[in-house]
């Protein structure tokens, strides 16, 4: 009888862990829905960039109001830099130099279910993005959203115009493809 109870308890624990692991990627989505389903009384905050009069921080930051994102940008040669947050790819440009500035972030990790680019799929054409780089604010507007295979390295190619390319894995729990958001500089 004692073994049967122990087996039942162990089976229940294993079942609950499996349910937790299965639903973990969707927990941030529920939080998003709760935060954004409240009635809007005034202009929604997620469509506004910080006021121009606000001081620009000395740290490099990526600000995407539509995703409620304000994150530090990390630089480094190692691919493991992406585990810290938003990683500016060393083979791309930087906002102050023009061309193609490439930033990558995890969409989901099981240690942090809401990766920095978890809500990258929420962006729409025309959404504003701001990059604070070395004390200067660079503003962008989303111009295209696409899905490419991981071998498509053309998204990291230099460009004659100043643009920002953001990408992450998609679908949510897979490495199958890349969700790519391209934004052109507006200032």
N, C-alpha and C. Protein backbone atom coordinates (compact mmCIF):
# COMPACT_ATOMS: atom_id res chain seq x y z
N UNK A 1 0.82 -1.19 0.00
CA UNK A 1 0.00 0.00 0.00
C UNK A 1 0.87 1.25 0.00
N UNK A 2 1.94 1.28 0.77
CA UNK A 2 2.82 2.43 0.85
C UNK A 2 3.50 2.68 -0.49
N UNK A 3 3.89 1.61 -1.17
CA UNK A 3 4.53 1.75 -2.48
C UNK A 3 3.56 2.32 -3.51
N UNK A 4 2.32 1.90 -3.42
CA UNK A 4 1.31 2.40 -4.36
C UNK A 4 1.11 3.91 -4.17
N UNK A 5 1.03 4.38 -2.94
CA UNK A 5 0.88 5.81 -2.68
C UNK A 5 2.10 6.59 -3.17
N UNK A 6 3.28 6.03 -2.89
CA UNK A 6 4.51 6.67 -3.36
C UNK A 6 4.53 6.76 -4.88
N UNK A 7 4.15 5.68 -5.56
CA UNK A 7 4.10 5.67 -7.03
C UNK A 7 3.08 6.67 -7.56
N UNK A 8 1.94 6.74 -6.91
CA UNK A 8 0.91 7.71 -7.33
C UNK A 8 1.40 9.14 -7.14
N UNK A 9 2.05 9.41 -6.01
CA UNK A 9 2.59 10.73 -5.77
C UNK A 9 3.68 11.07 -6.78
N UNK A 10 4.56 10.14 -7.03
CA UNK A 10 5.62 10.35 -8.02
C UNK A 10 5.04 10.57 -9.42
N UNK A 11 4.02 9.82 -9.78
CA UNK A 11 3.37 10.01 -11.08
C UNK A 11 2.73 11.38 -11.18
N UNK A 12 2.11 11.83 -10.10
CA UNK A 12 1.51 13.16 -10.09
C UNK A 12 2.57 14.25 -10.24
N UNK A 13 3.68 14.11 -9.55
CA UNK A 13 4.76 15.09 -9.65
C UNK A 13 5.31 15.13 -11.07
N UNK A 14 5.53 13.99 -11.68
CA UNK A 14 6.03 13.94 -13.05
C UNK A 14 5.03 14.57 -14.01
N UNK A 15 3.74 14.27 -13.82
CA UNK A 15 2.70 14.85 -14.67
C UNK A 15 2.68 16.38 -14.54
N UNK A 16 2.74 16.90 -13.31
CA UNK A 16 2.72 18.34 -13.10
C UNK A 16 3.96 19.01 -13.69
N UNK A 17 5.11 18.36 -13.59
CA UNK A 17 6.32 18.92 -14.19
C UNK A 17 6.20 18.96 -15.71
N UNK A 18 5.62 17.93 -16.30
CA UNK A 18 5.43 17.90 -17.76
C UNK A 18 4.48 19.01 -18.20
N UNK A 19 3.41 19.22 -17.46
CA UNK A 19 2.47 20.29 -17.78
C UNK A 19 3.17 21.65 -17.66
N UNK A 20 3.94 21.83 -16.60
CA UNK A 20 4.69 23.08 -16.41
C UNK A 20 5.65 23.33 -17.57
N UNK A 21 6.41 22.33 -17.95
CA UNK A 21 7.38 22.48 -19.05
C UNK A 21 6.66 22.78 -20.36
N UNK A 22 5.51 22.14 -20.58
CA UNK A 22 4.77 22.37 -21.81
C UNK A 22 4.21 23.79 -21.87
N UNK A 23 3.66 24.28 -20.76
CA UNK A 23 3.01 25.59 -20.77
C UNK A 23 3.95 26.76 -20.48
N UNK A 24 5.17 26.50 -20.02
CA UNK A 24 6.12 27.56 -19.69
C UNK A 24 6.31 28.58 -20.80
N UNK A 25 6.44 28.17 -22.07
CA UNK A 25 6.62 29.18 -23.12
C UNK A 25 5.44 30.13 -23.29
N UNK A 26 4.26 29.73 -22.82
CA UNK A 26 3.06 30.54 -23.03
C UNK A 26 2.74 31.46 -21.85
N UNK A 27 3.40 31.28 -20.73
CA UNK A 27 3.12 32.09 -19.54
C UNK A 27 3.34 33.58 -19.80
N UNK A 28 4.45 34.00 -20.45
CA UNK A 28 4.59 35.44 -20.74
C UNK A 28 3.47 35.99 -21.63
N UNK A 29 2.93 35.15 -22.52
CA UNK A 29 1.84 35.59 -23.40
C UNK A 29 0.60 35.94 -22.59
N UNK A 30 0.34 35.18 -21.54
CA UNK A 30 -0.81 35.47 -20.67
C UNK A 30 -0.59 36.82 -19.98
N UNK A 31 0.63 37.06 -19.49
CA UNK A 31 0.94 38.34 -18.86
C UNK A 31 0.75 39.50 -19.83
N UNK A 32 1.18 39.32 -21.09
CA UNK A 32 1.00 40.35 -22.12
C UNK A 32 -0.48 40.64 -22.32
N UNK A 33 -1.27 39.60 -22.41
CA UNK A 33 -2.70 39.76 -22.63
C UNK A 33 -3.33 40.53 -21.48
N UNK A 34 -2.95 40.22 -20.25
CA UNK A 34 -3.51 40.91 -19.08
C UNK A 34 -3.11 42.38 -19.09
N UNK A 35 -1.81 42.67 -19.38
CA UNK A 35 -1.34 44.06 -19.38
C UNK A 35 -1.97 44.90 -20.48
N UNK A 36 -2.29 44.29 -21.61
CA UNK A 36 -2.76 45.06 -22.76
C UNK A 36 -4.26 44.93 -23.04
N UNK A 37 -4.98 44.24 -22.18
CA UNK A 37 -6.42 44.11 -22.40
C UNK A 37 -7.22 45.14 -21.61
N UNK A 38 -6.57 45.90 -20.75
CA UNK A 38 -7.26 46.94 -19.98
C UNK A 38 -7.74 48.03 -20.92
N UNK A 39 -8.89 48.65 -20.63
CA UNK A 39 -9.37 49.72 -21.49
C UNK A 39 -8.37 50.88 -21.55
N UNK A 40 -8.22 51.44 -22.71
CA UNK A 40 -7.28 52.54 -22.92
C UNK A 40 -8.00 53.85 -22.66
N UNK A 41 -7.51 54.63 -21.69
CA UNK A 41 -8.13 55.90 -21.34
C UNK A 41 -7.50 57.02 -22.15
N UNK A 42 -6.18 56.96 -22.33
CA UNK A 42 -5.49 57.97 -23.11
C UNK A 42 -4.63 57.26 -24.15
N UNK A 43 -3.75 57.99 -24.79
CA UNK A 43 -2.87 57.39 -25.78
C UNK A 43 -2.07 56.27 -25.14
N UNK A 44 -2.06 55.08 -25.76
CA UNK A 44 -1.34 53.97 -25.15
C UNK A 44 0.15 54.26 -25.04
N UNK A 45 0.74 53.85 -23.92
CA UNK A 45 2.16 54.09 -23.66
C UNK A 45 3.02 53.34 -24.67
N UNK A 46 2.57 52.16 -25.11
CA UNK A 46 3.41 51.32 -25.97
C UNK A 46 3.60 51.88 -27.38
N UNK A 47 2.97 52.99 -27.71
CA UNK A 47 3.18 53.57 -29.03
C UNK A 47 4.03 54.84 -28.97
N UNK A 48 4.53 55.16 -27.78
CA UNK A 48 5.28 56.39 -27.61
C UNK A 48 6.73 56.10 -27.27
N UNK A 49 7.61 56.89 -27.85
CA UNK A 49 9.02 56.85 -27.47
C UNK A 49 9.22 57.84 -26.33
N UNK A 50 10.32 57.72 -25.58
CA UNK A 50 10.58 58.68 -24.51
C UNK A 50 10.62 60.10 -25.06
N UNK A 51 10.25 61.11 -24.27
CA UNK A 51 10.29 62.48 -24.74
C UNK A 51 11.70 62.87 -25.19
N UNK A 52 11.76 63.72 -26.20
CA UNK A 52 13.05 64.15 -26.75
C UNK A 52 13.88 64.89 -25.70
N UNK A 53 13.21 65.55 -24.77
CA UNK A 53 13.93 66.33 -23.76
C UNK A 53 14.56 65.45 -22.68
N UNK A 54 14.19 64.19 -22.63
CA UNK A 54 14.78 63.30 -21.62
C UNK A 54 16.26 63.11 -21.91
N UNK A 55 17.09 63.07 -20.89
CA UNK A 55 18.52 62.87 -21.14
C UNK A 55 18.78 61.47 -21.70
N UNK A 56 19.68 61.40 -22.66
CA UNK A 56 20.05 60.13 -23.27
C UNK A 56 21.06 59.45 -22.35
N UNK A 57 20.78 58.20 -21.97
CA UNK A 57 21.72 57.52 -21.08
C UNK A 57 23.05 57.24 -21.77
N UNK A 58 24.10 57.12 -20.98
CA UNK A 58 25.42 56.80 -21.53
C UNK A 58 25.52 55.33 -21.92
N UNK A 59 24.63 54.50 -21.36
CA UNK A 59 24.63 53.08 -21.72
C UNK A 59 23.92 52.91 -23.06
N UNK A 60 24.30 51.90 -23.80
CA UNK A 60 23.66 51.59 -25.07
C UNK A 60 22.40 50.79 -24.79
N UNK A 61 21.25 51.29 -25.31
CA UNK A 61 19.97 50.67 -25.02
C UNK A 61 19.12 50.55 -26.27
N UNK A 62 18.28 49.51 -26.29
CA UNK A 62 17.28 49.31 -27.32
C UNK A 62 15.92 49.53 -26.69
N UNK A 63 15.14 50.45 -27.28
CA UNK A 63 13.82 50.80 -26.75
C UNK A 63 12.78 50.54 -27.84
N UNK A 64 11.85 49.61 -27.53
CA UNK A 64 10.78 49.29 -28.47
C UNK A 64 9.46 49.38 -27.71
N UNK A 65 8.78 50.52 -27.79
CA UNK A 65 7.55 50.71 -27.02
C UNK A 65 6.47 49.66 -27.28
N UNK A 66 6.31 49.21 -28.52
CA UNK A 66 5.27 48.24 -28.83
C UNK A 66 5.49 46.90 -28.14
N UNK A 67 6.71 46.64 -27.70
CA UNK A 67 7.04 45.40 -26.99
C UNK A 67 7.25 45.64 -25.50
N UNK A 68 7.06 46.88 -25.04
CA UNK A 68 7.39 47.24 -23.66
C UNK A 68 8.84 46.87 -23.35
N UNK A 69 9.73 47.12 -24.29
CA UNK A 69 11.13 46.71 -24.16
C UNK A 69 12.04 47.91 -23.98
N UNK A 70 12.90 47.85 -22.99
CA UNK A 70 13.95 48.82 -22.78
C UNK A 70 15.11 48.03 -22.18
N UNK A 71 16.05 47.62 -23.05
CA UNK A 71 17.11 46.70 -22.64
C UNK A 71 18.48 47.24 -23.00
N UNK A 72 19.46 46.87 -22.20
CA UNK A 72 20.85 47.17 -22.52
C UNK A 72 21.26 46.39 -23.77
N UNK A 73 22.17 46.97 -24.54
CA UNK A 73 22.73 46.30 -25.70
C UNK A 73 24.12 45.82 -25.32
N UNK A 74 24.38 44.55 -25.54
CA UNK A 74 25.67 43.97 -25.20
C UNK A 74 26.52 43.79 -26.45
N UNK A 75 27.81 44.06 -26.31
CA UNK A 75 28.77 43.86 -27.39
C UNK A 75 29.70 42.73 -26.99
N UNK A 76 30.14 41.97 -27.97
CA UNK A 76 31.07 40.90 -27.72
C UNK A 76 31.27 40.06 -28.95
N UNK A 77 32.40 39.39 -29.04
CA UNK A 77 32.71 38.55 -30.18
C UNK A 77 32.10 37.16 -30.06
N UNK A 78 31.83 36.71 -28.84
CA UNK A 78 31.32 35.36 -28.62
C UNK A 78 29.82 35.29 -28.85
N UNK A 79 29.37 34.21 -29.47
CA UNK A 79 27.95 33.99 -29.69
C UNK A 79 27.20 33.86 -28.36
N UNK A 80 27.90 33.54 -27.30
CA UNK A 80 27.26 33.41 -25.99
C UNK A 80 26.88 34.76 -25.38
N UNK A 81 27.31 35.85 -25.99
CA UNK A 81 26.92 37.19 -25.52
C UNK A 81 25.41 37.34 -25.60
N UNK A 82 24.76 36.66 -26.54
CA UNK A 82 23.30 36.74 -26.69
C UNK A 82 22.59 36.23 -25.43
N UNK A 83 23.25 35.43 -24.63
CA UNK A 83 22.62 34.93 -23.40
C UNK A 83 22.45 36.03 -22.35
N UNK A 84 23.13 37.16 -22.53
CA UNK A 84 23.00 38.29 -21.59
C UNK A 84 21.77 39.14 -21.90
N UNK A 85 21.33 39.18 -23.16
CA UNK A 85 20.21 40.01 -23.57
C UNK A 85 20.31 40.36 -25.04
N UNK A 86 20.13 41.62 -25.39
CA UNK A 86 20.23 42.07 -26.79
C UNK A 86 21.71 42.15 -27.16
N UNK A 87 22.07 41.44 -28.21
CA UNK A 87 23.47 41.37 -28.65
C UNK A 87 23.60 42.06 -30.00
N UNK A 88 24.47 43.06 -30.09
CA UNK A 88 24.75 43.70 -31.37
C UNK A 88 25.83 42.85 -32.05
N UNK A 89 25.50 42.35 -33.23
CA UNK A 89 26.40 41.42 -33.93
C UNK A 89 27.68 42.15 -34.34
N UNK A 90 28.84 41.56 -34.06
CA UNK A 90 30.11 42.22 -34.36
C UNK A 90 30.38 42.37 -35.86
N UNK A 91 29.72 41.56 -36.70
CA UNK A 91 29.95 41.67 -38.14
C UNK A 91 29.07 42.73 -38.79
N UNK A 92 28.20 43.38 -38.01
CA UNK A 92 27.35 44.43 -38.54
C UNK A 92 27.92 45.80 -38.21
N UNK A 93 27.12 46.80 -38.45
CA UNK A 93 27.52 48.17 -38.20
C UNK A 93 27.01 48.60 -36.82
N UNK A 94 27.16 49.86 -36.52
CA UNK A 94 26.58 50.45 -35.32
C UNK A 94 25.77 51.67 -35.77
N UNK A 95 24.81 52.12 -34.96
CA UNK A 95 23.95 53.23 -35.40
C UNK A 95 24.70 54.48 -35.84
N UNK A 96 25.81 54.79 -35.20
CA UNK A 96 26.55 56.01 -35.55
C UNK A 96 27.32 55.88 -36.86
N UNK A 97 27.46 54.69 -37.40
CA UNK A 97 28.21 54.49 -38.65
C UNK A 97 27.31 54.27 -39.85
N UNK A 98 26.00 54.15 -39.64
CA UNK A 98 25.10 53.89 -40.75
C UNK A 98 25.13 52.43 -41.15
N UNK A 99 24.70 52.11 -42.34
CA UNK A 99 24.62 50.75 -42.88
C UNK A 99 23.66 49.90 -42.05
N UNK A 100 23.96 48.61 -41.92
CA UNK A 100 23.04 47.65 -41.30
C UNK A 100 23.49 47.31 -39.88
N UNK A 101 22.77 47.84 -38.90
CA UNK A 101 23.02 47.51 -37.50
C UNK A 101 22.18 46.28 -37.17
N UNK A 102 22.84 45.21 -36.74
CA UNK A 102 22.17 43.92 -36.52
C UNK A 102 22.15 43.60 -35.04
N UNK A 103 20.94 43.35 -34.52
CA UNK A 103 20.79 42.97 -33.12
C UNK A 103 20.00 41.68 -33.02
N UNK A 104 20.46 40.82 -32.12
CA UNK A 104 19.88 39.50 -31.96
C UNK A 104 19.51 39.31 -30.49
N UNK A 105 18.46 38.54 -30.24
CA UNK A 105 18.07 38.22 -28.88
C UNK A 105 17.31 36.92 -28.83
N UNK A 106 17.36 36.27 -27.68
CA UNK A 106 16.58 35.04 -27.51
C UNK A 106 15.11 35.39 -27.40
N UNK A 107 14.29 34.53 -27.93
CA UNK A 107 12.86 34.69 -27.78
C UNK A 107 12.38 33.92 -26.55
N UNK A 108 13.01 32.80 -26.31
CA UNK A 108 12.60 31.95 -25.20
C UNK A 108 13.79 31.13 -24.74
N UNK A 109 13.98 31.07 -23.45
CA UNK A 109 14.88 30.09 -22.85
C UNK A 109 14.13 29.53 -21.66
N UNK A 110 14.40 28.31 -21.31
CA UNK A 110 13.66 27.71 -20.19
C UNK A 110 14.11 28.26 -18.85
N UNK A 111 15.26 28.93 -18.80
CA UNK A 111 15.66 29.59 -17.55
C UNK A 111 15.03 30.97 -17.44
N UNK A 112 14.66 31.56 -18.58
CA UNK A 112 13.98 32.86 -18.61
C UNK A 112 12.94 32.79 -19.72
N UNK A 113 11.72 32.32 -19.38
CA UNK A 113 10.72 32.09 -20.43
C UNK A 113 10.43 33.32 -21.29
N UNK A 114 10.57 34.51 -20.72
CA UNK A 114 10.33 35.71 -21.51
C UNK A 114 11.69 36.29 -21.91
N UNK A 115 12.24 35.74 -23.00
CA UNK A 115 13.50 36.27 -23.52
C UNK A 115 13.30 37.71 -24.00
N UNK A 116 14.39 38.41 -24.27
CA UNK A 116 14.29 39.82 -24.64
C UNK A 116 13.45 40.05 -25.89
N UNK A 117 13.48 39.11 -26.83
CA UNK A 117 12.69 39.26 -28.06
C UNK A 117 11.46 38.35 -28.08
N UNK A 118 10.97 37.98 -26.92
CA UNK A 118 9.78 37.12 -26.83
C UNK A 118 8.62 37.72 -27.63
N UNK A 119 8.43 39.03 -27.53
CA UNK A 119 7.29 39.69 -28.17
C UNK A 119 7.66 40.37 -29.49
N UNK A 120 8.76 39.97 -30.12
CA UNK A 120 9.14 40.58 -31.39
C UNK A 120 8.04 40.41 -32.44
N UNK A 121 7.26 39.35 -32.32
CA UNK A 121 6.16 39.12 -33.26
C UNK A 121 5.01 40.13 -33.08
N UNK A 122 5.03 40.93 -32.03
CA UNK A 122 3.99 41.94 -31.80
C UNK A 122 4.23 43.22 -32.61
N UNK A 123 5.43 43.38 -33.15
CA UNK A 123 5.73 44.60 -33.91
C UNK A 123 4.93 44.64 -35.21
N UNK A 124 4.61 45.85 -35.62
CA UNK A 124 3.88 46.07 -36.87
C UNK A 124 4.61 47.12 -37.69
N UNK A 125 4.35 47.12 -38.98
CA UNK A 125 4.94 48.12 -39.87
C UNK A 125 4.58 49.51 -39.34
N UNK A 126 5.58 50.38 -39.25
CA UNK A 126 5.38 51.74 -38.76
C UNK A 126 5.69 51.94 -37.30
N UNK A 127 5.85 50.86 -36.53
CA UNK A 127 6.17 51.00 -35.11
C UNK A 127 7.53 51.67 -34.93
N UNK A 128 7.64 52.57 -33.94
CA UNK A 128 8.92 53.24 -33.68
C UNK A 128 9.87 52.37 -32.85
N UNK A 129 11.15 52.55 -33.08
CA UNK A 129 12.21 51.90 -32.31
C UNK A 129 13.27 52.97 -32.05
N UNK A 130 13.83 52.95 -30.88
CA UNK A 130 14.90 53.89 -30.55
C UNK A 130 16.11 53.11 -30.07
N UNK A 131 17.28 53.51 -30.55
CA UNK A 131 18.54 52.96 -30.07
C UNK A 131 19.33 54.11 -29.47
N UNK A 132 19.60 54.01 -28.18
CA UNK A 132 20.48 54.98 -27.53
C UNK A 132 21.88 54.41 -27.63
N UNK A 133 22.73 55.10 -28.40
CA UNK A 133 24.08 54.59 -28.67
C UNK A 133 25.10 55.67 -28.39
N UNK A 134 25.95 55.44 -27.43
CA UNK A 134 27.03 56.34 -27.06
C UNK A 134 26.52 57.76 -26.82
N UNK A 135 25.39 57.86 -26.11
CA UNK A 135 24.85 59.16 -25.71
C UNK A 135 24.01 59.86 -26.76
N UNK A 136 23.72 59.20 -27.87
CA UNK A 136 22.90 59.79 -28.94
C UNK A 136 21.71 58.86 -29.19
N UNK A 137 20.52 59.45 -29.38
CA UNK A 137 19.31 58.68 -29.68
C UNK A 137 19.14 58.57 -31.19
N UNK A 138 19.01 57.35 -31.69
CA UNK A 138 18.76 57.08 -33.10
C UNK A 138 17.36 56.48 -33.20
N UNK A 139 16.53 57.11 -34.03
CA UNK A 139 15.14 56.66 -34.17
C UNK A 139 14.94 55.92 -35.48
N UNK A 140 14.14 54.87 -35.39
CA UNK A 140 13.85 54.01 -36.53
C UNK A 140 12.35 53.78 -36.62
N UNK A 141 11.93 53.32 -37.80
CA UNK A 141 10.53 52.95 -38.02
C UNK A 141 10.52 51.60 -38.72
N UNK A 142 9.73 50.65 -38.21
CA UNK A 142 9.66 49.31 -38.79
C UNK A 142 9.13 49.39 -40.21
N UNK A 143 9.88 48.80 -41.15
CA UNK A 143 9.48 48.84 -42.55
C UNK A 143 9.17 47.45 -43.12
N UNK A 144 9.71 46.40 -42.51
CA UNK A 144 9.38 45.05 -43.00
C UNK A 144 9.53 44.03 -41.89
N UNK A 145 8.71 43.00 -41.99
CA UNK A 145 8.73 41.88 -41.06
C UNK A 145 8.66 40.62 -41.91
N UNK A 146 9.59 39.70 -41.69
CA UNK A 146 9.60 38.48 -42.49
C UNK A 146 10.12 37.30 -41.68
N UNK A 147 9.97 36.13 -42.24
CA UNK A 147 10.50 34.90 -41.66
C UNK A 147 11.43 34.29 -42.70
N UNK A 148 12.66 33.99 -42.28
CA UNK A 148 13.65 33.40 -43.18
C UNK A 148 14.23 32.15 -42.53
N UNK A 149 14.89 31.32 -43.34
CA UNK A 149 15.53 30.14 -42.75
C UNK A 149 16.86 30.56 -42.12
N UNK A 150 17.37 29.76 -41.19
CA UNK A 150 18.59 30.15 -40.46
C UNK A 150 19.82 30.32 -41.34
N UNK A 151 19.84 29.70 -42.51
CA UNK A 151 20.99 29.81 -43.40
C UNK A 151 20.98 31.09 -44.23
N UNK A 152 19.90 31.86 -44.18
CA UNK A 152 19.80 33.10 -44.96
C UNK A 152 20.62 34.19 -44.27
N UNK A 153 21.87 34.32 -44.69
CA UNK A 153 22.76 35.31 -44.08
C UNK A 153 22.65 36.68 -44.76
N UNK A 154 21.82 36.79 -45.78
CA UNK A 154 21.66 38.07 -46.46
C UNK A 154 21.09 39.14 -45.54
N UNK A 155 20.40 38.73 -44.47
CA UNK A 155 19.83 39.71 -43.54
C UNK A 155 20.92 40.46 -42.78
N UNK A 156 22.14 39.93 -42.79
CA UNK A 156 23.26 40.58 -42.11
C UNK A 156 24.18 41.33 -43.06
N UNK A 157 23.80 41.43 -44.32
CA UNK A 157 24.65 42.10 -45.31
C UNK A 157 24.67 43.61 -45.08
N UNK A 158 25.80 44.26 -45.40
CA UNK A 158 25.85 45.73 -45.33
C UNK A 158 24.82 46.34 -46.28
N UNK A 159 24.34 47.53 -45.94
CA UNK A 159 23.35 48.21 -46.77
C UNK A 159 23.80 49.65 -47.01
N UNK A 160 23.35 50.26 -48.12
CA UNK A 160 23.72 51.65 -48.38
C UNK A 160 22.96 52.62 -47.46
N UNK A 161 21.81 52.19 -46.93
CA UNK A 161 21.02 53.05 -46.06
C UNK A 161 21.26 52.66 -44.60
N UNK A 162 20.88 53.56 -43.70
CA UNK A 162 20.99 53.28 -42.26
C UNK A 162 19.75 52.52 -41.82
N UNK A 163 19.97 51.29 -41.38
CA UNK A 163 18.84 50.47 -40.95
C UNK A 163 19.21 49.65 -39.73
N UNK A 164 18.18 49.15 -39.10
CA UNK A 164 18.31 48.30 -37.94
C UNK A 164 17.64 46.97 -38.28
N UNK A 165 18.37 45.87 -38.09
CA UNK A 165 17.81 44.54 -38.33
C UNK A 165 17.81 43.80 -37.00
N UNK A 166 16.62 43.39 -36.59
CA UNK A 166 16.44 42.60 -35.36
C UNK A 166 15.99 41.21 -35.77
N UNK A 167 16.58 40.17 -35.15
CA UNK A 167 16.04 38.85 -35.44
C UNK A 167 16.16 37.91 -34.25
N UNK A 168 15.30 36.89 -34.28
CA UNK A 168 15.22 35.89 -33.23
C UNK A 168 14.65 34.61 -33.83
N UNK A 169 14.65 33.54 -33.06
CA UNK A 169 14.12 32.27 -33.54
C UNK A 169 12.59 32.30 -33.55
N UNK A 170 12.03 31.56 -34.49
CA UNK A 170 10.58 31.40 -34.57
C UNK A 170 10.28 30.07 -35.23
N UNK A 171 9.22 29.35 -34.93
CA UNK A 171 8.19 29.68 -33.95
C UNK A 171 8.75 29.68 -32.53
N UNK A 172 7.90 30.03 -31.61
CA UNK A 172 8.30 30.32 -30.24
C UNK A 172 9.23 29.29 -29.61
N UNK A 173 8.99 28.03 -29.76
CA UNK A 173 9.77 27.01 -29.06
C UNK A 173 10.67 26.22 -30.01
N UNK A 174 11.04 26.84 -31.12
CA UNK A 174 11.80 26.12 -32.14
C UNK A 174 12.95 26.97 -32.69
N UNK A 175 13.95 26.31 -33.23
CA UNK A 175 15.06 26.97 -33.92
C UNK A 175 14.87 26.90 -35.43
N UNK A 176 13.68 26.52 -35.88
CA UNK A 176 13.41 26.24 -37.28
C UNK A 176 13.68 27.43 -38.20
N UNK A 177 13.19 28.59 -37.87
CA UNK A 177 13.30 29.77 -38.73
C UNK A 177 13.74 30.98 -37.91
N UNK A 178 13.90 32.12 -38.62
CA UNK A 178 14.23 33.38 -37.97
C UNK A 178 13.15 34.41 -38.29
N UNK A 179 12.66 35.07 -37.25
CA UNK A 179 11.75 36.20 -37.40
C UNK A 179 12.62 37.44 -37.54
N UNK A 180 12.48 38.15 -38.65
CA UNK A 180 13.35 39.29 -38.95
C UNK A 180 12.50 40.55 -39.04
N UNK A 181 12.92 41.57 -38.28
CA UNK A 181 12.26 42.89 -38.33
C UNK A 181 13.31 43.89 -38.80
N UNK A 182 12.97 44.61 -39.86
CA UNK A 182 13.89 45.63 -40.41
C UNK A 182 13.24 46.99 -40.20
N UNK A 183 14.04 47.94 -39.70
CA UNK A 183 13.55 49.30 -39.47
C UNK A 183 14.53 50.29 -40.10
N UNK A 184 13.99 51.30 -40.78
CA UNK A 184 14.84 52.34 -41.38
C UNK A 184 14.96 53.51 -40.44
N UNK A 185 16.11 54.13 -40.48
CA UNK A 185 16.37 55.28 -39.60
C UNK A 185 15.56 56.48 -40.06
N UNK A 186 15.00 57.21 -39.09
CA UNK A 186 14.17 58.37 -39.40
C UNK A 186 14.84 59.69 -39.02
N UNK A 187 15.98 59.64 -38.32
CA UNK A 187 16.67 60.90 -37.96
C UNK A 187 18.14 60.78 -38.23
